[in-house]
Amino acid sequence: MRQVLRECLVSIGFSLIEQTKMITAASELGRNTLRYGGGGEAHIEKVTDGGRRGVILSFIDQGPGIEDVSLALKDGYTTGNGMGLGLGGARRLADDFELITAPGQGTTVRIAKWKLF
C-alpha cells in the first residue's frame, strides 16, 4: 500500500515531506486496522475539489469499535502494547481527519491531504 500511495502522491506533485507524512499516517492507521480491528480494507482515492487536488485514504474494519473516541485520540492512550500515538498522530499529519465508530460496529478512519493547483 505504501508504494501505491507514494506513486499517487508523486503524480499529484506532493513534496517528499508531504509524501512522508501521509505514508507515516497510512502505516499507523493500517497497523491499527490489523491489530485492533482484526483486519479490514484500505482504499486510496485521488480526488479533485474546486481548486485543489488530493488523496483520501480510508481504513475500514468490522472490529470491536472504539468506546471513547476522545480518549483514543489522546497521545499515550492505548488498549494494546503500542505507544498510543497512531490515531492522534495520523490526525496531525493529515489535512482532514474523520473517525466513524461505535462499540461493536467497527471503525472507519478517513484522512485527506490536499494540494492547491
Foldseek 3Di string as FASTA:
>chain_A
DLVVQLVVCVVQPDDPVLSVLQSLLVVLLQCCCVPQQVHFDKDWDWDDDVQKTKIKIKRWGQRQWDDDVVQLLDQQDDPDDDRSHRNVSSCVSAPDWDWDTDGRGTIMIMGMHMDGD
